[in-house]
Protein backbone atom coordinates (compact mmCIF):
# COMPACT_ATOMS: atom_id res chain seq x y z
CA MET A 1 0.00 0.00 0.00
CA LYS A 2 2.82 2.33 0.86
CA ARG A 3 4.41 1.68 -2.52
CA VAL A 4 1.13 2.43 -4.29
CA MET A 5 0.76 5.71 -2.39
CA ALA A 6 4.34 6.65 -3.20
CA ARG A 7 3.76 6.03 -6.87
CA LEU A 8 0.61 8.15 -6.75
CA HIS A 9 2.58 10.98 -5.16
CA ILE A 10 5.19 10.73 -7.90
CA VAL A 11 2.57 10.71 -10.67
CA GLY A 12 0.85 13.66 -9.02
CA ALA A 13 4.12 15.58 -8.88
CA ILE A 14 4.78 14.89 -12.55
CA VAL A 15 1.28 16.01 -13.53
CA SER A 16 1.65 19.17 -11.44
CA ALA A 17 4.98 19.90 -13.05
CA VAL A 18 3.53 19.44 -16.55
CA LEU A 19 0.57 21.67 -15.72
CA ALA A 20 2.86 24.27 -14.23
CA ALA A 21 5.02 24.19 -17.34
CA GLY A 22 1.92 24.59 -19.49
CA CYS A 23 0.69 27.52 -17.41
CA GLY A 24 4.09 29.12 -17.72
CA SER A 25 4.26 28.80 -21.52
CA PRO A 26 4.32 32.13 -23.37
CA LYS A 27 1.00 33.47 -24.54
CA PRO A 28 0.55 34.64 -28.14
CA GLN A 29 2.01 38.10 -28.51
CA GLY A 30 -0.14 40.97 -29.80
CA PRO A 31 1.21 43.88 -31.81
CA PRO A 32 4.07 45.66 -30.06
CA LYS A 33 3.22 48.74 -28.05
CA PRO A 34 4.11 51.80 -30.14
CA ASP A 35 6.95 54.08 -29.12
CA ILE A 36 5.32 56.87 -31.14
CA LYS A 37 1.62 57.07 -32.03
CA ILE A 38 0.71 59.54 -34.77
CA ALA A 39 -2.96 60.32 -35.35
CA MET A 40 -3.50 61.04 -39.06
CA ILE A 41 -6.58 63.10 -39.89
CA ALA A 42 -6.98 63.77 -43.62
CA LYS A 43 -9.96 65.57 -45.14
CA SER A 44 -11.92 62.47 -46.17
CA SER A 45 -11.29 58.78 -46.50
CA SER A 46 -13.23 58.71 -49.78
CA ASN A 47 -10.68 60.90 -51.60
CA PRO A 48 -7.94 58.80 -53.29
CA VAL A 49 -5.25 61.42 -52.69
CA PHE A 50 -5.54 60.80 -48.96
CA THR A 51 -5.45 57.04 -49.40
CA SER A 52 -2.11 57.63 -51.11
CA ALA A 53 -0.96 59.86 -48.25
CA ARG A 54 -1.89 57.14 -45.75
CA ALA A 55 0.17 54.59 -47.67
CA GLY A 56 3.15 56.96 -47.56
CA ALA A 57 2.74 57.49 -43.82
CA GLU A 58 2.59 53.77 -43.10
CA ALA A 59 5.63 53.12 -45.31
CA ALA A 60 7.59 55.77 -43.41
CA ALA A 61 6.57 54.16 -40.12
CA LYS A 62 7.99 50.82 -41.30
CA GLU A 63 11.19 52.50 -42.45
CA MET A 64 11.64 54.20 -39.08
CA ARG A 65 11.31 50.85 -37.30
CA GLN A 66 13.83 49.19 -39.65
CA ARG A 67 16.27 52.05 -39.22
CA THR A 68 15.94 52.76 -35.51
CA GLY A 69 13.96 49.94 -33.95
CA ALA A 70 11.25 52.38 -32.81
CA VAL A 71 7.67 51.24 -33.32
CA VAL A 72 5.60 53.97 -34.99
CA GLU A 73 1.82 53.56 -35.20
CA ILE A 74 -0.31 55.50 -37.68
CA ALA A 75 -3.80 55.88 -36.18
CA TRP A 76 -6.14 56.72 -39.08
CA LEU A 77 -8.83 59.05 -37.70
CA THR A 78 -10.02 60.55 -40.99
CA PRO A 79 -13.75 61.29 -41.43
CA ASP A 80 -15.63 59.50 -44.22
CA THR A 81 -16.56 62.87 -45.74
CA GLU A 82 -15.22 66.39 -45.28
CA ASP A 83 -16.27 68.05 -42.04
CA GLY A 84 -14.11 70.51 -40.13
CA SER A 85 -16.14 70.03 -36.97
CA VAL A 86 -15.58 66.27 -37.06
CA GLN A 87 -11.88 66.85 -37.63
CA ALA A 88 -11.77 69.02 -34.50
CA GLN A 89 -13.45 66.21 -32.56
CA ARG A 90 -10.93 63.70 -33.93
CA ILE A 91 -8.04 65.88 -32.73
CA ALA A 92 -9.48 65.82 -29.21
CA GLN A 93 -10.02 62.06 -29.55
CA ALA A 94 -6.37 61.60 -30.57
CA VAL A 95 -5.19 63.48 -27.49
CA ASN A 96 -7.48 61.47 -25.19
CA GLU A 97 -6.28 58.20 -26.73
CA GLY A 98 -2.64 58.97 -26.05
CA ALA A 99 -1.36 60.10 -29.46
CA ASN A 100 2.13 61.55 -29.37
CA ALA A 101 1.47 63.78 -32.39
CA VAL A 102 -1.30 64.74 -34.81
CA LEU A 103 -0.96 65.04 -38.60
CA ILE A 104 -3.88 66.80 -40.28
CA SER A 105 -5.05 68.22 -43.62
CA CYS A 106 -7.51 70.93 -42.60
CA SER A 107 -10.96 71.05 -44.17
CA ASP A 108 -11.81 74.28 -42.35
CA ALA A 109 -8.97 76.14 -40.66
CA ALA A 110 -11.29 78.20 -38.47
CA LYS A 111 -12.97 75.11 -37.03
CA VAL A 112 -9.83 73.09 -36.34
CA THR A 113 -7.52 75.84 -35.06
CA PRO A 114 -8.92 75.85 -31.48
CA ALA A 115 -8.60 72.06 -31.34
CA ILE A 116 -5.03 72.21 -32.65
CA ASN A 117 -4.10 74.83 -30.07
CA ASP A 118 -5.69 72.79 -27.29
CA ALA A 119 -3.73 69.68 -28.35
CA VAL A 120 -0.46 71.65 -28.36
CA ALA A 121 -1.28 73.09 -24.92
CA LYS A 122 -1.63 69.51 -23.67
CA GLY A 123 1.79 68.59 -25.01
CA VAL A 124 0.76 66.96 -28.32
CA PRO A 125 2.51 68.61 -31.29
CA VAL A 126 0.51 69.06 -34.49
CA MET A 127 1.74 69.13 -38.08
CA THR A 128 -0.43 70.04 -41.08
CA PHE A 129 -0.14 68.81 -44.66
CA ASP A 130 -1.86 69.69 -47.93
CA SER A 131 -4.19 72.24 -46.29
CA ASP A 132 -2.83 74.44 -43.53
CA ALA A 133 -4.17 76.20 -40.45
CA PRO A 134 -1.57 78.99 -40.50
CA ASP A 135 -2.92 80.87 -37.50
CA SER A 136 -2.78 77.81 -35.27
CA LYS A 137 0.09 76.59 -33.11
CA ARG A 138 0.99 73.73 -35.46
CA PHE A 139 4.76 73.36 -35.65
CA ALA A 140 5.04 72.77 -39.42
CA PHE A 141 3.13 72.63 -42.69
CA LEU A 142 4.06 70.43 -45.65
CA GLY A 143 2.54 70.97 -49.08
CA VAL A 144 2.69 72.90 -52.30
CA ASP A 145 2.80 76.67 -52.54
CA ASP A 146 -0.92 76.94 -53.31
CA THR A 147 -0.89 80.43 -54.79
CA LYS A 148 1.91 79.38 -57.13
CA ALA A 149 0.01 76.20 -58.00
CA GLY A 150 -3.04 78.19 -59.03
CA LYS A 151 -0.91 80.39 -61.26
CA GLU A 152 0.65 77.33 -62.89
CA VAL A 153 -2.81 75.92 -63.63
CA LEU A 154 -3.85 79.14 -65.39
CA GLU A 155 -0.65 79.43 -67.40
CA GLU A 156 -0.89 75.84 -68.61
CA LEU A 157 -4.56 76.26 -69.52
CA ALA A 158 -3.88 79.51 -71.39
CA SER A 159 -1.30 77.77 -73.55
CA HIS A 160 -3.84 75.12 -74.59
CA ILE A 161 -6.74 77.46 -75.51
CA ALA A 162 -4.67 79.87 -77.61
CA ASP A 163 -4.61 82.39 -74.74
CA ALA A 164 -8.20 83.47 -75.37
CA GLY A 165 -11.76 82.52 -74.48
CA SER A 166 -14.03 81.81 -71.53
CA ILE A 167 -12.87 79.56 -68.70
CA ALA A 168 -14.28 78.39 -65.38
CA ILE A 169 -12.61 77.56 -62.08
CA LEU A 170 -13.58 74.37 -60.28
CA ALA A 171 -12.79 75.02 -56.64
CA GLY A 172 -13.95 72.25 -54.28
CA ASN A 173 -14.62 73.15 -50.64
CA GLN A 174 -15.08 76.89 -50.23
CA ASN A 175 -13.71 76.81 -46.68
CA ALA A 176 -10.47 74.94 -47.44
CA PRO A 177 -7.60 77.44 -47.11
CA ASN A 178 -5.36 75.64 -49.60
CA LEU A 179 -8.04 75.77 -52.29
CA GLN A 180 -8.80 79.42 -51.57
CA LYS A 181 -5.16 80.24 -52.28
CA ARG A 182 -5.14 78.22 -55.49
CA VAL A 183 -8.24 80.01 -56.73
CA ALA A 184 -6.60 83.35 -55.91
CA GLY A 185 -3.54 82.22 -57.86
CA VAL A 186 -5.65 81.40 -60.93
CA GLN A 187 -7.46 84.73 -60.74
CA ASP A 188 -4.25 86.70 -60.27
CA ALA A 189 -2.48 85.02 -63.16
CA ALA A 190 -5.48 85.61 -65.44
CA LYS A 191 -4.92 89.36 -65.15
CA ALA A 192 -1.94 89.01 -67.46
CA HIS A 193 -4.16 87.37 -70.12
CA PRO A 194 -6.69 90.02 -71.20
CA LYS A 195 -8.37 87.77 -73.78
CA ILE A 196 -9.24 85.17 -71.18
CA LYS A 197 -12.52 85.65 -69.31
CA ILE A 198 -13.34 83.79 -66.08
CA VAL A 199 -17.09 83.13 -66.11
CA GLY A 200 -17.11 82.05 -62.47
CA THR A 201 -15.65 80.07 -59.60
CA PHE A 202 -17.67 77.00 -58.71
CA TYR A 203 -17.56 75.21 -55.36
CA HIS A 204 -18.90 71.74 -54.54
CA VAL A 205 -18.70 68.80 -52.19
CA GLU A 206 -15.38 67.09 -52.81
CA THR A 207 -16.60 63.83 -54.25
CA PRO A 208 -16.16 62.72 -57.88
CA GLN A 209 -19.92 62.61 -58.36
CA ASP A 210 -20.64 66.09 -56.98
CA ALA A 211 -17.71 67.63 -58.84
CA THR A 212 -18.73 66.01 -62.13
CA ALA A 213 -22.33 67.15 -61.75
CA GLU A 214 -21.17 70.72 -61.15
CA VAL A 215 -18.96 70.73 -64.24
CA LEU A 216 -21.74 69.40 -66.45
CA ARG A 217 -24.24 71.88 -64.98
CA VAL A 218 -21.97 74.87 -65.54
CA GLN A 219 -20.86 73.71 -68.99
CA LYS A 220 -24.49 73.33 -70.10
CA ALA A 221 -25.36 76.79 -68.79
CA ASN A 222 -22.22 78.30 -70.38
CA PRO A 223 -21.47 76.39 -73.60
CA GLN A 224 -18.89 79.01 -74.54
CA ILE A 225 -16.49 77.68 -71.88
CA LYS A 226 -13.29 76.53 -73.57
CA GLY A 227 -11.28 75.64 -70.51
CA TRP A 228 -11.52 74.46 -66.93
CA ALA A 229 -8.97 75.46 -64.33
CA MET A 230 -9.44 72.76 -61.70
CA VAL A 231 -7.62 73.41 -58.44
CA GLY A 232 -8.28 69.75 -57.57
CA GLY A 233 -8.85 66.73 -59.79
CA TRP A 234 -12.14 65.51 -58.24
CA PRO A 235 -14.25 64.98 -61.41
CA LEU A 236 -11.40 63.18 -63.15
CA PHE A 237 -11.64 60.27 -60.70
CA THR A 238 -14.49 58.92 -62.88
CA ASP A 239 -14.75 58.63 -66.68
CA THR A 240 -17.99 60.63 -67.01
CA LEU A 241 -16.39 63.81 -68.33
CA LEU A 242 -14.18 61.71 -70.60
CA ASN A 243 -17.34 60.68 -72.43
CA SER A 244 -19.24 63.96 -72.02
CA LEU A 245 -16.81 66.70 -73.10
CA ASP A 246 -15.23 67.08 -76.53
CA PRO A 247 -11.44 67.54 -76.27
CA ALA A 248 -11.53 69.47 -79.53
CA LYS A 249 -13.71 72.12 -77.85
CA VAL A 250 -12.81 72.01 -74.14
CA LYS A 251 -9.50 71.66 -72.31
CA ILE A 252 -8.87 70.88 -68.66
CA VAL A 253 -5.82 71.55 -66.51
CA ALA A 254 -6.07 70.15 -63.01
CA VAL A 255 -4.05 69.66 -59.87
CA ASP A 256 -3.41 65.96 -59.11
CA ALA A 257 -2.69 63.02 -61.40
CA LEU A 258 -3.88 59.75 -59.90
CA PRO A 259 -4.35 56.53 -61.91
CA SER A 260 -8.00 57.20 -62.75
CA GLU A 261 -7.03 60.57 -64.26
CA LEU A 262 -4.47 59.23 -66.73
CA PRO A 263 -7.00 58.50 -69.53
CA TYR A 264 -7.82 62.22 -69.59
CA VAL A 265 -4.22 62.96 -70.49
CA GLN A 266 -4.07 60.25 -73.13
CA LYS A 267 -7.28 61.45 -74.79
CA GLY A 268 -6.14 65.08 -74.72
CA LEU A 269 -9.07 66.42 -72.70
CA ALA A 270 -6.61 67.21 -69.90
CA PRO A 271 -3.37 67.77 -71.82
CA VAL A 272 -1.56 68.66 -68.60
CA LEU A 273 -2.06 67.55 -65.00
CA LEU A 274 -0.03 69.14 -62.24
CA ALA A 275 0.61 66.30 -59.85
CA GLN A 276 1.06 66.63 -56.13
CA THR A 277 3.28 63.91 -54.77
CA THR A 278 0.50 62.82 -52.43
CA TYR A 279 2.39 59.76 -51.18
CA ASP A 280 5.01 62.14 -49.79
CA TRP A 281 2.36 64.05 -47.85
CA GLY A 282 2.31 61.10 -45.50
CA HIS A 283 5.85 59.81 -45.94
CA GLU A 284 7.70 63.09 -45.43
CA SER A 285 5.35 64.33 -42.72
CA VAL A 286 5.86 61.20 -40.63
CA ARG A 287 9.60 61.43 -41.14
CA ASN A 288 9.60 65.03 -39.91
CA ILE A 289 7.38 64.23 -36.92
CA PHE A 290 9.70 61.37 -36.00
CA ASP A 291 12.72 63.66 -36.23
CA LYS A 292 11.05 66.23 -34.00
CA LEU A 293 9.95 63.74 -31.35
CA ARG A 294 12.82 61.27 -31.39
CA THR A 295 15.92 63.24 -32.32
CA LYS A 296 14.64 66.71 -31.30
CA LYS A 297 15.57 67.95 -34.76
CA ASN A 298 14.44 71.46 -35.63
CA VAL A 299 11.73 71.31 -38.32
CA GLY A 300 11.06 74.45 -40.34
CA PRO A 301 7.55 75.94 -40.19
CA VAL A 302 6.88 75.54 -43.93
CA ILE A 303 8.09 72.67 -46.13
CA HIS A 304 7.13 73.34 -49.74
CA MET A 305 6.79 70.60 -52.34
CA ASP A 306 6.95 71.09 -56.09
CA LEU A 307 4.25 70.00 -58.52
CA PHE A 308 5.15 67.42 -61.15
CA ARG A 309 3.96 68.23 -64.69
CA VAL A 310 2.30 65.19 -66.28
CA SER A 311 1.62 65.17 -70.03
CA SER A 312 1.54 62.66 -72.88
CA ASP A 313 5.34 63.00 -73.05
CA ASN A 314 5.95 61.43 -69.63
CA LEU A 315 2.73 59.53 -68.94
CA GLY A 316 4.56 56.22 -68.63
CA THR A 317 7.18 57.63 -66.26
CA TRP A 318 4.49 58.97 -63.99
CA ALA A 319 2.43 55.75 -64.13
CA ARG A 320 5.45 53.74 -63.02
CA GLN A 321 6.04 56.18 -60.16
CA LEU A 322 2.47 55.67 -59.00
CA LYS A 323 3.02 51.91 -59.07
CA ARG A 324 6.15 52.26 -56.93
CA TRP A 325 4.03 54.19 -54.45
CA GLY A 326 1.70 51.23 -54.12
CA PHE A 327 -1.15 52.08 -56.49
CA THR A 328 -2.61 48.89 -57.92
CA ASP A 329 -5.27 50.27 -60.29
CA ILE A 330 -2.96 51.49 -63.04
CA PRO A 331 -3.87 50.11 -66.48
CA GLU A 332 -1.02 48.12 -67.96
CA GLN A 333 -1.12 50.21 -71.14
CA TYR A 334 0.25 53.24 -69.26
CA LEU A 335 3.03 51.35 -67.54
CA SER A 336 4.53 50.43 -70.89
CA LEU A 337 4.54 53.99 -72.25
CA PRO A 338 7.78 56.05 -72.43
């Protein structure tokens, strides 16, 4: 009996040891806790330019980890549609959720400036991209010189309508400070072209459908329009205008040159697109935020980016650049062009 009891004690000890070993085995690991959390608040998640910016931001985060070992998280807090009030709420949300920095493209500078200033007062630095809030306490802005961009749009358009005739400005969100400056640039540059008449500046919700409807409405009401100065490429994200406007009668010059816009260049309806390097909005902004937070590097208050002129001469070069940036919806026919 004693031997039996001894054996039972031994078996029990073995079982306890096995169970203890099992309890002590490592549990599945979740994602690593970020060293730096950056809340990214673009204008709208439905606009492809901001999808591109997000891809650039996430790529920069991966590069920072590979280079330094620091884990950088990009928290995407962008509204589905443009709304400055929602953006202000998302800034406050980012602060409450422990973000180390905020990166924002401002839909309405007046509405987001108090929220930016409050975040900064609580120790969370804010950087703007694409659309600035210049009167806020953001530490830096990255984007094109918008007034210069508007002037470039007008000059390109003038060269394609023989420097004469009626044109219209497609202007997007009336409250967006970057677009206001581009419109002013178009209007200012037009003063040097006395034979060009601007029939109006037309604002709209920044979706492809709303922008397209506005162009068709205005064109029908003003059939004399020979050119469109588009300070954003919204209606070119669909093919409706491609099949509705005659490139022999109407020309378009627009800011932005995403994959869906390339057929407009090929057909000649938009002989020139002035591309923002939207991927770099995210990539370079994250790199600068990282430098400020991690290495305490001084970041200048304004970081200007140049526009890239896309035409039939370099359509293939640009298409391949878009592919390198992660765009997957580029027709093969453009990738094989010079």
